[in-house]
Amino acid sequence: MKRDWELIRKILIKLEQKVDDTPLDSESIKGVSPDIVAYHYKILAQADLICIEDNSTMGDEDFVAIDLTWQGHEFLDKIRSDTAWNKVKQVIKTKGIDLSFEAIKLAGQSLLISLLK
C-alpha cells in the first residue's frame, strides 16, 4: 500500500483536535477505506508519531489511534497550516525530491528558519 501524505496530515490534525479520550477508529476519516486508514495508523505508530491500539481479528488487521506522541506534535507543528504544508510540498517538488518523512521535516524546519530571519 502506498503512503498518502494528505491522509497522514488529516489523521494527525484530527488526533490533535480530539477533546476526549475516545480513540479514532479506522472509519473516522470520511471518504477513505478503513483498511487504508488502519494501515496509516500502523505506519504512523512505527514512525513514533502516534500511539495506537491493535484491534485486529483473526483475518482482519485493524487499529485505533489513541493520541499523538511528542514527535507527532513536533511533526504536525511543521505542516499544520495549509500555507506551510503547501509551501513544504512546493519546495520538495521544486528540488526534485521524493516526498518523504525526512524531506518534509527538513523542508518544514527550513521554512521555519527562513520565517524567523
N, C-alpha and C. Protein backbone atom coordinates (compact mmCIF):
# COMPACT_ATOMS: atom_id res chain seq x y z
N MET A 1 0.85 -1.17 0.00
CA MET A 1 0.00 0.00 0.00
C MET A 1 0.90 1.24 0.00
N LYS A 2 0.49 2.25 -0.72
CA LYS A 2 1.27 3.47 -0.84
C LYS A 2 0.92 4.44 0.30
N ARG A 3 1.94 5.09 0.81
CA ARG A 3 1.76 6.08 1.87
C ARG A 3 1.13 7.33 1.28
N ASP A 4 0.11 7.85 1.96
CA ASP A 4 -0.65 9.01 1.49
C ASP A 4 -0.41 10.17 2.48
N TRP A 5 0.40 11.15 2.07
CA TRP A 5 0.76 12.25 2.96
C TRP A 5 -0.41 13.13 3.31
N GLU A 6 -1.36 13.30 2.41
CA GLU A 6 -2.55 14.10 2.73
C GLU A 6 -3.36 13.42 3.83
N LEU A 7 -3.49 12.11 3.74
CA LEU A 7 -4.20 11.34 4.76
C LEU A 7 -3.45 11.40 6.08
N ILE A 8 -2.14 11.28 6.03
CA ILE A 8 -1.32 11.35 7.25
C ILE A 8 -1.55 12.69 7.95
N ARG A 9 -1.53 13.75 7.18
CA ARG A 9 -1.76 15.08 7.77
C ARG A 9 -3.15 15.18 8.38
N LYS A 10 -4.17 14.64 7.68
CA LYS A 10 -5.54 14.64 8.21
C LYS A 10 -5.62 13.88 9.53
N ILE A 11 -4.98 12.73 9.60
CA ILE A 11 -5.00 11.92 10.81
C ILE A 11 -4.36 12.68 11.97
N LEU A 12 -3.20 13.26 11.74
CA LEU A 12 -2.51 13.99 12.80
C LEU A 12 -3.34 15.18 13.30
N ILE A 13 -3.93 15.90 12.38
CA ILE A 13 -4.76 17.05 12.76
C ILE A 13 -5.99 16.58 13.55
N LYS A 14 -6.61 15.53 13.08
CA LYS A 14 -7.80 15.01 13.75
C LYS A 14 -7.47 14.53 15.16
N LEU A 15 -6.33 13.89 15.33
CA LEU A 15 -5.91 13.45 16.66
C LEU A 15 -5.65 14.64 17.57
N GLU A 16 -5.03 15.68 17.04
CA GLU A 16 -4.74 16.86 17.84
C GLU A 16 -6.03 17.55 18.28
N GLN A 17 -7.05 17.50 17.46
CA GLN A 17 -8.30 18.20 17.74
C GLN A 17 -9.25 17.43 18.66
N LYS A 18 -8.90 16.18 18.96
CA LYS A 18 -9.77 15.40 19.86
C LYS A 18 -9.93 16.10 21.19
N VAL A 19 -11.13 16.07 21.74
CA VAL A 19 -11.39 16.72 23.02
C VAL A 19 -11.57 15.73 24.17
N ASP A 20 -11.60 14.45 23.86
CA ASP A 20 -11.75 13.45 24.92
C ASP A 20 -10.82 12.28 24.65
N ASP A 21 -10.95 11.24 25.46
CA ASP A 21 -10.05 10.08 25.34
C ASP A 21 -10.55 9.02 24.37
N THR A 22 -11.60 9.31 23.64
CA THR A 22 -12.14 8.34 22.69
C THR A 22 -11.17 8.16 21.53
N PRO A 23 -10.74 6.92 21.27
CA PRO A 23 -9.81 6.71 20.15
C PRO A 23 -10.50 6.91 18.80
N LEU A 24 -9.69 7.17 17.79
CA LEU A 24 -10.20 7.28 16.42
C LEU A 24 -10.14 5.90 15.79
N ASP A 25 -11.29 5.39 15.39
CA ASP A 25 -11.26 4.08 14.73
C ASP A 25 -10.92 4.25 13.25
N SER A 26 -10.79 3.14 12.57
CA SER A 26 -10.37 3.18 11.17
C SER A 26 -11.46 3.71 10.24
N GLU A 27 -12.65 3.96 10.77
CA GLU A 27 -13.73 4.53 9.97
C GLU A 27 -13.90 6.03 10.23
N SER A 28 -12.96 6.63 10.94
CA SER A 28 -13.11 8.03 11.36
C SER A 28 -12.75 9.05 10.28
N ILE A 29 -12.13 8.62 9.21
CA ILE A 29 -11.78 9.55 8.13
C ILE A 29 -12.74 9.31 6.97
N LYS A 30 -13.63 10.26 6.79
CA LYS A 30 -14.68 10.13 5.76
C LYS A 30 -14.07 10.05 4.36
N GLY A 31 -14.62 9.13 3.55
CA GLY A 31 -14.20 9.01 2.17
C GLY A 31 -12.95 8.18 1.95
N VAL A 32 -12.41 7.58 3.02
CA VAL A 32 -11.20 6.76 2.91
C VAL A 32 -11.52 5.38 3.47
N SER A 33 -11.12 4.36 2.75
CA SER A 33 -11.36 2.99 3.18
C SER A 33 -10.76 2.73 4.56
N PRO A 34 -11.50 2.06 5.46
CA PRO A 34 -10.97 1.73 6.79
C PRO A 34 -9.66 0.95 6.74
N ASP A 35 -9.47 0.11 5.73
CA ASP A 35 -8.23 -0.65 5.60
C ASP A 35 -7.05 0.29 5.36
N ILE A 36 -7.26 1.31 4.55
CA ILE A 36 -6.21 2.28 4.25
C ILE A 36 -5.90 3.12 5.50
N VAL A 37 -6.94 3.53 6.21
CA VAL A 37 -6.74 4.31 7.44
C VAL A 37 -5.99 3.48 8.47
N ALA A 38 -6.40 2.22 8.66
CA ALA A 38 -5.73 1.34 9.63
C ALA A 38 -4.26 1.16 9.28
N TYR A 39 -3.97 0.99 8.01
CA TYR A 39 -2.58 0.86 7.57
C TYR A 39 -1.78 2.12 7.93
N HIS A 40 -2.37 3.28 7.71
CA HIS A 40 -1.68 4.53 8.02
C HIS A 40 -1.51 4.71 9.53
N TYR A 41 -2.49 4.28 10.31
CA TYR A 41 -2.32 4.28 11.77
C TYR A 41 -1.09 3.45 12.14
N LYS A 42 -0.98 2.28 11.53
CA LYS A 42 0.13 1.38 11.84
C LYS A 42 1.48 2.01 11.49
N ILE A 43 1.59 2.60 10.31
CA ILE A 43 2.89 3.15 9.93
C ILE A 43 3.21 4.43 10.69
N LEU A 44 2.18 5.19 11.07
CA LEU A 44 2.42 6.37 11.91
C LEU A 44 2.92 5.96 13.29
N ALA A 45 2.43 4.85 13.80
CA ALA A 45 2.92 4.33 15.08
C ALA A 45 4.35 3.83 14.93
N GLN A 46 4.65 3.19 13.81
CA GLN A 46 6.02 2.73 13.57
C GLN A 46 7.00 3.91 13.51
N ALA A 47 6.53 5.05 13.03
CA ALA A 47 7.36 6.26 12.97
C ALA A 47 7.37 7.02 14.30
N ASP A 48 6.68 6.48 15.29
CA ASP A 48 6.58 7.07 16.62
C ASP A 48 5.91 8.44 16.60
N LEU A 49 4.91 8.59 15.71
CA LEU A 49 4.16 9.84 15.63
C LEU A 49 2.83 9.75 16.38
N ILE A 50 2.27 8.54 16.47
CA ILE A 50 1.02 8.35 17.20
C ILE A 50 1.09 7.08 18.04
N CYS A 51 0.19 7.02 19.01
CA CYS A 51 0.00 5.81 19.81
C CYS A 51 -1.25 5.11 19.28
N ILE A 52 -1.16 3.81 19.11
CA ILE A 52 -2.30 3.05 18.59
C ILE A 52 -2.61 1.88 19.51
N GLU A 53 -3.78 1.31 19.27
CA GLU A 53 -4.19 0.08 19.93
C GLU A 53 -4.55 -0.90 18.82
N ASP A 54 -4.11 -2.13 18.98
CA ASP A 54 -4.38 -3.15 17.97
C ASP A 54 -5.74 -3.78 18.23
N ASN A 55 -6.66 -3.62 17.29
CA ASN A 55 -7.99 -4.21 17.37
C ASN A 55 -8.18 -5.27 16.30
N SER A 56 -7.09 -5.89 15.87
CA SER A 56 -7.15 -6.87 14.79
C SER A 56 -7.89 -8.13 15.24
N THR A 57 -8.51 -8.77 14.26
CA THR A 57 -9.14 -10.06 14.49
C THR A 57 -8.39 -11.10 13.66
N MET A 58 -8.84 -12.32 13.69
CA MET A 58 -8.13 -13.42 13.02
C MET A 58 -7.75 -13.10 11.57
N GLY A 59 -8.65 -12.60 10.79
CA GLY A 59 -8.33 -12.38 9.38
C GLY A 59 -8.32 -10.93 8.97
N ASP A 60 -8.42 -10.03 9.95
CA ASP A 60 -8.57 -8.62 9.61
C ASP A 60 -7.68 -7.76 10.50
N GLU A 61 -6.71 -7.06 9.89
CA GLU A 61 -5.84 -6.17 10.64
C GLU A 61 -6.55 -4.83 10.83
N ASP A 62 -6.62 -4.37 12.09
CA ASP A 62 -7.31 -3.12 12.37
C ASP A 62 -6.67 -2.45 13.59
N PHE A 63 -6.62 -1.13 13.57
CA PHE A 63 -6.03 -0.35 14.65
C PHE A 63 -6.90 0.85 14.94
N VAL A 64 -6.79 1.37 16.16
CA VAL A 64 -7.39 2.65 16.50
C VAL A 64 -6.27 3.57 16.95
N ALA A 65 -6.44 4.84 16.67
CA ALA A 65 -5.44 5.84 17.05
C ALA A 65 -5.85 6.45 18.38
N ILE A 66 -4.91 6.44 19.32
CA ILE A 66 -5.19 6.92 20.66
C ILE A 66 -4.83 8.40 20.81
N ASP A 67 -3.59 8.75 20.44
CA ASP A 67 -3.11 10.10 20.67
C ASP A 67 -1.83 10.36 19.88
N LEU A 68 -1.44 11.61 19.81
CA LEU A 68 -0.15 11.99 19.22
C LEU A 68 0.96 11.76 20.25
N THR A 69 2.13 11.42 19.78
CA THR A 69 3.31 11.39 20.64
C THR A 69 3.94 12.79 20.61
N TRP A 70 4.99 12.97 21.40
CA TRP A 70 5.73 14.24 21.37
C TRP A 70 6.22 14.51 19.95
N GLN A 71 6.81 13.48 19.33
CA GLN A 71 7.32 13.64 17.95
C GLN A 71 6.18 13.93 16.98
N GLY A 72 5.01 13.36 17.23
CA GLY A 72 3.86 13.63 16.39
C GLY A 72 3.44 15.08 16.45
N HIS A 73 3.44 15.64 17.68
CA HIS A 73 3.13 17.06 17.84
C HIS A 73 4.18 17.93 17.13
N GLU A 74 5.44 17.57 17.30
CA GLU A 74 6.53 18.33 16.68
C GLU A 74 6.41 18.31 15.15
N PHE A 75 6.14 17.12 14.60
CA PHE A 75 6.00 16.99 13.15
C PHE A 75 4.79 17.78 12.65
N LEU A 76 3.67 17.67 13.36
CA LEU A 76 2.46 18.39 12.95
C LEU A 76 2.67 19.90 13.00
N ASP A 77 3.47 20.37 13.95
CA ASP A 77 3.75 21.80 14.02
C ASP A 77 4.34 22.33 12.72
N LYS A 78 5.05 21.47 11.99
CA LYS A 78 5.69 21.89 10.73
C LYS A 78 4.73 21.91 9.55
N ILE A 79 3.63 21.15 9.65
CA ILE A 79 2.74 21.00 8.49
C ILE A 79 1.28 21.31 8.79
N ARG A 80 0.97 21.82 9.95
CA ARG A 80 -0.42 22.05 10.35
C ARG A 80 -1.14 23.02 9.42
N SER A 81 -0.59 24.20 9.23
CA SER A 81 -1.29 25.22 8.42
C SER A 81 -1.23 24.83 6.95
N ASP A 82 -2.32 25.14 6.25
CA ASP A 82 -2.37 24.84 4.81
C ASP A 82 -1.25 25.56 4.08
N THR A 83 -0.97 26.79 4.49
CA THR A 83 0.09 27.57 3.83
C THR A 83 1.44 26.89 3.99
N ALA A 84 1.77 26.51 5.22
CA ALA A 84 3.06 25.84 5.46
C ALA A 84 3.12 24.51 4.72
N TRP A 85 2.05 23.72 4.77
CA TRP A 85 2.01 22.42 4.11
C TRP A 85 2.22 22.57 2.60
N ASN A 86 1.51 23.51 2.00
CA ASN A 86 1.66 23.71 0.55
C ASN A 86 3.06 24.20 0.19
N LYS A 87 3.62 25.06 1.03
CA LYS A 87 4.98 25.56 0.80
C LYS A 87 5.99 24.42 0.91
N VAL A 88 5.84 23.56 1.92
CA VAL A 88 6.74 22.41 2.10
C VAL A 88 6.67 21.51 0.87
N LYS A 89 5.47 21.20 0.41
CA LYS A 89 5.32 20.35 -0.77
C LYS A 89 5.94 21.00 -2.00
N GLN A 90 5.75 22.32 -2.14
CA GLN A 90 6.30 23.05 -3.28
C GLN A 90 7.83 23.02 -3.27
N VAL A 91 8.42 23.26 -2.12
CA VAL A 91 9.88 23.26 -2.00
C VAL A 91 10.43 21.88 -2.37
N ILE A 92 9.82 20.84 -1.86
CA ILE A 92 10.29 19.48 -2.12
C ILE A 92 10.15 19.15 -3.61
N LYS A 93 9.02 19.53 -4.20
CA LYS A 93 8.80 19.26 -5.62
C LYS A 93 9.80 20.04 -6.48
N THR A 94 10.02 21.30 -6.14
CA THR A 94 10.95 22.15 -6.89
C THR A 94 12.35 21.57 -6.89
N LYS A 95 12.74 21.00 -5.77
CA LYS A 95 14.08 20.42 -5.64
C LYS A 95 14.18 19.03 -6.27
N GLY A 96 13.04 18.50 -6.73
CA GLY A 96 13.04 17.18 -7.36
C GLY A 96 13.26 16.04 -6.39
N ILE A 97 12.83 16.24 -5.15
CA ILE A 97 13.00 15.23 -4.11
C ILE A 97 11.67 14.53 -3.89
N ASP A 98 11.74 13.24 -3.60
CA ASP A 98 10.52 12.50 -3.26
C ASP A 98 9.99 12.97 -1.92
N LEU A 99 8.67 12.98 -1.79
CA LEU A 99 8.02 13.34 -0.54
C LEU A 99 8.26 12.23 0.46
N SER A 100 9.12 12.49 1.43
CA SER A 100 9.44 11.51 2.46
C SER A 100 9.36 12.19 3.82
N PHE A 101 9.34 11.40 4.86
CA PHE A 101 9.27 11.90 6.22
C PHE A 101 10.42 12.86 6.49
N GLU A 102 11.63 12.46 6.17
CA GLU A 102 12.81 13.31 6.41
C GLU A 102 12.77 14.57 5.57
N ALA A 103 12.37 14.46 4.31
CA ALA A 103 12.31 15.63 3.44
C ALA A 103 11.28 16.64 3.96
N ILE A 104 10.14 16.14 4.43
CA ILE A 104 9.11 17.03 4.96
C ILE A 104 9.61 17.72 6.23
N LYS A 105 10.25 16.95 7.11
CA LYS A 105 10.79 17.54 8.34
C LYS A 105 11.82 18.62 8.03
N LEU A 106 12.74 18.33 7.11
CA LEU A 106 13.79 19.29 6.77
C LEU A 106 13.22 20.53 6.09
N ALA A 107 12.29 20.32 5.16
CA ALA A 107 11.68 21.45 4.46
C ALA A 107 10.88 22.31 5.45
N GLY A 108 10.17 21.66 6.36
CA GLY A 108 9.41 22.40 7.38
C GLY A 108 10.33 23.20 8.29
N GLN A 109 11.44 22.59 8.67
CA GLN A 109 12.42 23.27 9.53
C GLN A 109 13.04 24.44 8.77
N SER A 110 13.37 24.23 7.52
CA SER A 110 13.96 25.29 6.68
C SER A 110 12.99 26.45 6.54
N LEU A 111 11.72 26.14 6.32
CA LEU A 111 10.68 27.17 6.20
C LEU A 111 10.58 27.96 7.49
N LEU A 112 10.60 27.28 8.60
CA LEU A 112 10.53 27.94 9.90
C LEU A 112 11.73 28.87 10.11
N ILE A 113 12.90 28.39 9.79
CA ILE A 113 14.12 29.20 9.95
C ILE A 113 14.04 30.44 9.07
N SER A 114 13.58 30.28 7.82
CA SER A 114 13.50 31.44 6.92
C SER A 114 12.47 32.45 7.41
N LEU A 115 11.41 31.99 8.05
CA LEU A 115 10.41 32.91 8.59
C LEU A 115 10.91 33.66 9.82
N LEU A 116 11.81 33.03 10.55
CA LEU A 116 12.33 33.65 11.77
C LEU A 116 13.43 34.67 11.49
N LYS A 117 14.01 34.64 10.30
CA LYS A 117 15.09 35.57 9.97
C LYS A 117 14.57 36.95 9.67
